[in-house]
Amino acid sequence: MPSNLDPALHQAKKPPWIRVKLPTDPVYWDTKGLIDDLKLVTVCEEAQCPNRWECWAQGTATFMIAGERCTRACGFCAVDTRRPLPLEADEPDRVAQAVKRMGLNHVVITAVARDDLPDGGACHFANTIYQVREVNPDTVIEVLVPDFVGKDDALWVVMEAEPRIFNHNLETVERLTPAVRSQAEYWRSLSVLKRAREMANEMGFRCATKSGIMLGLGESEAEVLTAMDDLRAHDVTVLTLGQYLRPTPKHLPVVEYILPETFDRLREIALEKGFRHIASGPLVRSSYHAADFKPELDPEA
């Protein structure tokens, strides 16, 4: 993966393996109708995920709580960055009802960064976990959280709610972090992942930790392998690798479209490094086929 390519050469046309089919399955439209009916936000739409047609046709979705306005302006992300609105107290119950009506065995709950709130939205995360579990006791709950600016007390609140899978995305390699995630820090993200596992152990429950990296932003393969090593050193056992896709001309350019066979090879390398589950491919996103990972099969969790 060369790191010195001219970005202008890679914007005109996406390769054939990036293209997705438009939805035809009626389940997709039923899912969209349910989400609209309950006035919920999904990261599927807000982040313009290329897999939303496939996932919604299967009756699955990743719910984005705490509003659709983020306090950060990451160079890769399509989510709105206007001033956030107040939290909606009934949102946890609406998410729980959506999980029930969709009959989900595995749900992913994520959120925008809410640096405007003293706890970064941690209590809202916890309330949503509690409510989803009360209404859906057999559903595996995965959370995809921001870094809470490294606040241990905020992270503790989320972990007290006992999510089964804790996900926080590294997003990119260390060198590119300032450009890709200007308000985040590479080592702080790694620390959040490690502390989540430590807190789960202290509280006496099992929790797998998971992270994701986007490729095609100008990283070298050596840097990707180093990021894998750093994740393993911080007790992360589940990894997603996907292609960065530029949401608008205002966002960071795609430096390189990574070949599918490269994703396959990186998956094999990650397995050799000790990751228990890896989703690796051009259209993979952090919650893509999330239910394929069975946390009970991970002896480290």
Protein backbone atom coordinates (compact mmCIF):
# COMPACT_ATOMS: atom_id res chain seq x y z
CA MET A 1 0.00 0.00 0.00
CA PRO A 2 2.00 2.99 -1.19
CA SER A 3 1.76 6.14 0.86
CA ASN A 4 2.86 8.72 -1.70
CA LEU A 5 0.18 8.47 -4.39
CA ASP A 6 -1.42 11.57 -5.89
CA PRO A 7 -4.94 11.77 -4.40
CA ALA A 8 -6.29 13.40 -7.57
CA LEU A 9 -5.65 10.18 -9.48
CA HIS A 10 -8.04 8.22 -7.27
CA GLN A 11 -11.22 10.30 -7.19
CA ALA A 12 -12.74 9.95 -10.64
CA LYS A 13 -13.96 6.37 -10.62
CA LYS A 14 -14.39 3.73 -7.99
CA PRO A 15 -13.21 0.22 -8.86
CA PRO A 16 -15.86 -2.41 -9.60
CA TRP A 17 -15.49 -4.15 -6.24
CA ILE A 18 -16.68 -0.97 -4.46
CA ARG A 19 -20.05 -0.74 -6.20
CA VAL A 20 -23.18 -1.81 -4.34
CA LYS A 21 -26.63 -2.76 -5.56
CA LEU A 22 -29.67 -0.67 -4.71
CA PRO A 23 -32.24 -2.30 -2.39
CA THR A 24 -35.00 -4.49 -3.77
CA ASP A 25 -35.85 -6.63 -0.72
CA PRO A 26 -39.09 -5.44 0.96
CA VAL A 27 -37.53 -6.13 4.39
CA TYR A 28 -35.23 -3.15 3.74
CA TRP A 29 -38.20 -0.83 3.39
CA ASP A 30 -39.93 -2.37 6.41
CA THR A 31 -36.83 -1.69 8.50
CA LYS A 32 -36.60 1.87 7.26
CA GLY A 33 -40.25 2.39 8.08
CA LEU A 34 -39.80 1.05 11.61
CA ILE A 35 -36.80 3.31 12.26
CA ASP A 36 -38.66 6.33 10.91
CA ASP A 37 -41.74 5.43 12.97
CA LEU A 38 -39.75 5.32 16.20
CA LYS A 39 -37.87 8.51 15.24
CA LEU A 40 -34.49 6.83 15.60
CA VAL A 41 -31.16 7.71 14.02
CA THR A 42 -28.91 5.08 12.47
CA VAL A 43 -25.24 5.40 11.70
CA CYS A 44 -26.12 3.43 8.57
CA GLU A 45 -27.66 6.56 7.05
CA GLU A 46 -25.77 9.31 8.86
CA ALA A 47 -22.35 7.90 7.89
CA GLN A 48 -23.56 6.91 4.40
CA CYS A 49 -22.55 3.28 5.00
CA PRO A 50 -22.31 1.39 1.69
CA ASN A 51 -23.76 -1.74 3.32
CA ARG A 52 -27.01 -0.25 4.58
CA TRP A 53 -28.99 -1.85 1.76
CA GLU A 54 -27.63 -5.29 2.64
CA CYS A 55 -27.89 -4.96 6.41
CA TRP A 56 -31.38 -3.46 6.40
CA ALA A 57 -32.59 -6.13 3.99
CA GLN A 58 -31.48 -8.60 6.68
CA GLY A 59 -33.42 -6.66 9.30
CA THR A 60 -30.37 -5.35 11.17
CA ALA A 61 -29.14 -1.84 11.95
CA THR A 62 -26.71 0.09 14.11
CA PHE A 63 -28.53 2.63 16.25
CA MET A 64 -26.89 6.01 16.81
CA ILE A 65 -28.02 7.61 20.05
CA ALA A 66 -27.47 11.08 21.52
CA GLY A 67 -28.55 12.86 18.34
CA GLU A 68 -27.09 13.15 14.86
CA ARG A 69 -24.86 16.17 15.50
CA CYS A 70 -21.26 15.51 16.52
CA THR A 71 -18.98 17.89 18.44
CA ARG A 72 -15.98 16.77 16.40
CA ALA A 73 -15.21 17.29 12.72
CA CYS A 74 -13.15 14.29 11.70
CA GLY A 75 -11.72 14.45 8.20
CA PHE A 76 -13.33 11.19 7.10
CA CYS A 77 -16.81 11.37 8.61
CA ALA A 78 -20.10 12.46 7.01
CA VAL A 79 -21.97 12.99 10.30
CA ASP A 80 -23.36 16.51 10.90
CA THR A 81 -21.13 18.75 13.04
CA ARG A 82 -23.55 21.51 14.01
CA ARG A 83 -24.20 22.34 17.67
CA PRO A 84 -25.85 19.26 19.28
CA LEU A 85 -29.42 19.28 20.54
CA PRO A 86 -30.39 18.17 24.08
CA LEU A 87 -30.55 14.44 24.78
CA GLU A 88 -33.98 12.78 24.42
CA ALA A 89 -34.87 11.00 27.65
CA ASP A 90 -37.13 8.46 25.93
CA GLU A 91 -34.56 7.44 23.30
CA PRO A 92 -33.30 4.39 25.24
CA ASP A 93 -36.84 2.98 25.34
CA ARG A 94 -37.36 3.64 21.62
CA VAL A 95 -34.15 1.78 20.80
CA ALA A 96 -35.23 -1.11 23.01
CA GLN A 97 -38.60 -1.28 21.24
CA ALA A 98 -36.91 -1.25 17.84
CA VAL A 99 -34.65 -4.15 18.86
CA LYS A 100 -37.72 -6.07 20.01
CA ARG A 101 -39.77 -5.36 16.90
CA MET A 102 -36.85 -6.32 14.65
CA GLY A 103 -36.21 -9.48 16.67
CA LEU A 104 -32.48 -8.81 16.89
CA ASN A 105 -30.14 -11.34 18.48
CA HIS A 106 -27.28 -8.82 18.28
CA VAL A 107 -27.56 -5.05 18.42
CA VAL A 108 -24.90 -2.36 17.95
CA ILE A 109 -25.39 0.93 19.80
CA THR A 110 -23.16 3.83 18.87
CA ALA A 111 -23.23 7.60 19.31
CA VAL A 112 -21.80 10.83 18.08
CA ALA A 113 -19.09 12.45 20.20
CA ARG A 114 -20.80 14.66 22.78
CA ASP A 115 -17.89 16.63 24.21
CA ASP A 116 -20.45 19.30 25.18
CA LEU A 117 -21.74 17.04 27.96
CA PRO A 118 -19.80 16.62 31.24
CA ASP A 119 -19.87 12.81 30.89
CA GLY A 120 -19.60 12.75 27.10
CA GLY A 121 -22.96 10.99 26.94
CA ALA A 122 -21.85 8.01 29.04
CA CYS A 123 -25.00 7.92 31.18
CA HIS A 124 -27.16 7.97 28.04
CA PHE A 125 -25.18 5.01 26.71
CA ALA A 126 -25.65 3.15 29.98
CA ASN A 127 -29.38 3.91 30.14
CA THR A 128 -29.79 2.58 26.60
CA ILE A 129 -27.93 -0.64 27.45
CA TYR A 130 -30.07 -1.17 30.56
CA GLN A 131 -33.31 -0.55 28.68
CA VAL A 132 -32.41 -2.75 25.72
CA ARG A 133 -31.45 -5.59 28.08
CA GLU A 134 -34.65 -5.24 30.11
CA VAL A 135 -36.84 -5.54 27.02
CA ASN A 136 -34.55 -7.98 25.16
CA PRO A 137 -32.72 -10.08 27.78
CA ASP A 138 -31.25 -12.53 25.26
CA THR A 139 -29.87 -9.94 22.82
CA VAL A 140 -26.09 -9.51 22.61
CA ILE A 141 -25.35 -5.82 23.17
CA GLU A 142 -22.36 -4.28 21.42
CA VAL A 143 -21.43 -0.64 22.00
CA LEU A 144 -19.31 1.49 19.68
CA VAL A 145 -18.24 4.44 21.77
CA PRO A 146 -16.26 7.68 21.42
CA ASP A 147 -13.16 8.11 23.57
CA PHE A 148 -14.89 10.26 26.24
CA VAL A 149 -11.73 12.42 26.08
CA GLY A 150 -10.02 9.69 28.07
CA LYS A 151 -12.20 10.18 31.18
CA ASP A 152 -12.10 7.00 33.25
CA ASP A 153 -15.22 7.92 35.22
CA ALA A 154 -17.28 8.21 32.03
CA LEU A 155 -15.95 4.92 30.72
CA TRP A 156 -16.73 3.29 34.07
CA VAL A 157 -20.40 4.32 33.76
CA VAL A 158 -20.67 2.55 30.39
CA MET A 159 -18.88 -0.55 31.61
CA GLU A 160 -21.10 -0.80 34.70
CA ALA A 161 -23.98 -1.48 32.30
CA GLU A 162 -22.07 -4.60 31.16
CA PRO A 163 -22.00 -4.49 27.36
CA ARG A 164 -21.02 -7.87 25.89
CA ILE A 165 -18.76 -6.30 23.24
CA PHE A 166 -16.94 -2.98 23.63
CA ASN A 167 -15.93 -1.32 20.36
CA HIS A 168 -13.88 1.81 19.88
CA ASN A 169 -12.35 2.46 16.49
CA LEU A 170 -8.70 3.33 16.07
CA GLU A 171 -9.71 4.43 12.52
CA THR A 172 -6.18 4.85 11.14
CA VAL A 173 -2.48 4.44 11.83
CA GLU A 174 -0.59 6.60 14.30
CA ARG A 175 1.05 8.88 11.73
CA LEU A 176 -2.24 9.82 10.06
CA THR A 177 -4.29 10.27 13.24
CA PRO A 178 -3.82 14.07 13.51
CA ALA A 179 -5.18 14.56 9.96
CA VAL A 180 -7.93 11.95 10.14
CA ARG A 181 -9.07 12.46 13.76
CA SER A 182 -7.84 15.90 14.75
CA GLN A 183 -9.53 15.88 18.18
CA ALA A 184 -8.58 12.32 19.03
CA GLU A 185 -5.30 10.67 19.97
CA TYR A 186 -3.95 7.31 18.82
CA TRP A 187 -2.61 6.22 22.20
CA ARG A 188 -5.64 7.55 24.05
CA SER A 189 -7.87 5.33 21.92
CA LEU A 190 -5.69 2.33 22.69
CA SER A 191 -5.84 3.17 26.39
CA VAL A 192 -9.65 3.36 26.27
CA LEU A 193 -9.79 -0.14 24.79
CA LYS A 194 -7.43 -1.57 27.40
CA ARG A 195 -9.18 0.14 30.29
CA ALA A 196 -12.55 -1.18 29.15
CA ARG A 197 -11.24 -4.74 29.34
CA GLU A 198 -9.64 -4.05 32.73
CA MET A 199 -12.85 -2.57 34.09
CA ALA A 200 -14.89 -5.55 32.91
CA ASN A 201 -12.44 -7.85 34.72
CA GLU A 202 -12.67 -5.73 37.87
CA MET A 203 -16.47 -5.85 37.74
CA GLY A 204 -16.48 -9.58 37.13
CA PHE A 205 -18.12 -9.90 33.73
CA ARG A 206 -16.87 -10.98 30.31
CA CYS A 207 -16.50 -8.39 27.59
CA ALA A 208 -14.76 -8.69 24.23
CA THR A 209 -12.96 -5.62 22.89
CA LYS A 210 -13.07 -4.62 19.25
CA SER A 211 -11.64 -1.93 16.98
CA GLY A 212 -11.55 -0.95 13.32
CA ILE A 213 -9.14 0.61 10.83
CA MET A 214 -9.89 2.29 7.50
CA LEU A 215 -7.44 1.71 4.67
CA GLY A 216 -6.68 3.84 1.64
CA LEU A 217 -5.82 7.10 3.42
CA GLY A 218 -2.12 6.91 2.59
CA GLU A 219 -0.92 4.46 5.23
CA SER A 220 1.80 1.93 4.48
CA GLU A 221 1.30 -1.76 5.10
CA ALA A 222 4.03 -1.69 7.73
CA GLU A 223 2.04 0.97 9.61
CA VAL A 224 -1.11 -1.17 9.45
CA LEU A 225 0.77 -4.14 10.87
CA THR A 226 2.15 -1.95 13.66
CA ALA A 227 -1.39 -0.79 14.48
CA MET A 228 -2.46 -4.43 14.67
CA ASP A 229 0.39 -5.13 17.10
CA ASP A 230 -0.58 -2.11 19.20
CA LEU A 231 -4.20 -3.30 19.36
CA ARG A 232 -3.17 -6.79 20.44
CA ALA A 233 -0.84 -5.30 23.05
CA HIS A 234 -3.92 -3.51 24.44
CA ASP A 235 -5.98 -6.73 24.64
CA VAL A 236 -8.16 -6.19 21.55
CA THR A 237 -9.35 -9.47 20.03
CA VAL A 238 -11.82 -8.40 17.30
CA LEU A 239 -10.76 -6.32 14.29
CA THR A 240 -12.45 -4.81 11.24
CA LEU A 241 -10.55 -3.58 8.18
CA GLY A 242 -12.35 -1.63 5.46
CA GLN A 243 -11.82 0.77 2.58
CA TYR A 244 -12.11 4.48 3.28
CA LEU A 245 -14.67 6.09 0.97
CA ARG A 246 -14.80 9.86 0.64
CA PRO A 247 -18.31 11.02 1.63
CA THR A 248 -18.07 14.51 0.02
CA PRO A 249 -15.42 16.60 -1.80
CA LYS A 250 -14.88 18.47 1.49
CA HIS A 251 -13.55 15.35 3.19
CA LEU A 252 -10.16 13.70 2.98
CA PRO A 253 -9.38 12.25 -0.45
CA VAL A 254 -8.99 8.55 -1.13
CA VAL A 255 -5.28 7.99 -1.71
CA GLU A 256 -5.62 4.37 -2.77
CA TYR A 257 -8.29 1.76 -3.42
CA ILE A 258 -7.06 -1.39 -1.72
CA LEU A 259 -7.41 -4.64 -3.68
CA PRO A 260 -9.75 -7.31 -2.26
CA GLU A 261 -6.89 -9.81 -2.22
CA THR A 262 -4.89 -7.41 -0.03
CA PHE A 263 -7.75 -7.37 2.46
CA ASP A 264 -7.76 -11.18 2.40
CA ARG A 265 -4.02 -11.31 3.06
CA LEU A 266 -4.28 -8.79 5.92
CA ARG A 267 -7.01 -10.92 7.46
CA GLU A 268 -4.68 -13.93 7.51
CA ILE A 269 -1.90 -11.84 9.06
CA ALA A 270 -4.29 -10.56 11.75
CA LEU A 271 -5.31 -14.12 12.62
CA GLU A 272 -1.64 -15.04 12.97
CA LYS A 273 -1.21 -12.11 15.36
CA GLY A 274 -3.88 -13.54 17.64
CA PHE A 275 -7.10 -11.73 16.76
CA ARG A 276 -10.07 -14.04 17.37
CA HIS A 277 -12.34 -12.59 14.70
CA ILE A 278 -11.56 -10.37 11.70
CA ALA A 279 -13.88 -8.83 9.13
CA SER A 280 -11.67 -7.57 6.30
CA GLY A 281 -12.84 -6.32 2.92
CA PRO A 282 -13.45 -3.20 0.82
CA LEU A 283 -17.02 -2.65 2.06
CA VAL A 284 -16.46 -3.75 5.66
CA ARG A 285 -17.44 -1.25 8.34
CA SER A 286 -17.11 -1.58 12.12
CA SER A 287 -20.58 -3.07 12.59
CA TYR A 288 -20.71 -5.04 9.32
CA HIS A 289 -22.05 -8.54 10.03
CA ALA A 290 -21.37 -7.82 13.70
CA ALA A 291 -23.39 -10.85 14.76
CA ASP A 292 -20.93 -13.17 12.98
CA PHE A 293 -18.64 -12.80 15.99
CA LYS A 294 -19.69 -15.01 18.88
CA PRO A 295 -18.11 -13.54 22.04
CA GLU A 296 -18.62 -16.75 23.97
CA LEU A 297 -16.06 -18.39 21.66
CA ASP A 298 -13.36 -15.86 22.65
CA PRO A 299 -11.43 -17.27 25.64
CA GLU A 300 -9.92 -13.84 26.34
CA ALA A 301 -13.33 -12.18 26.76
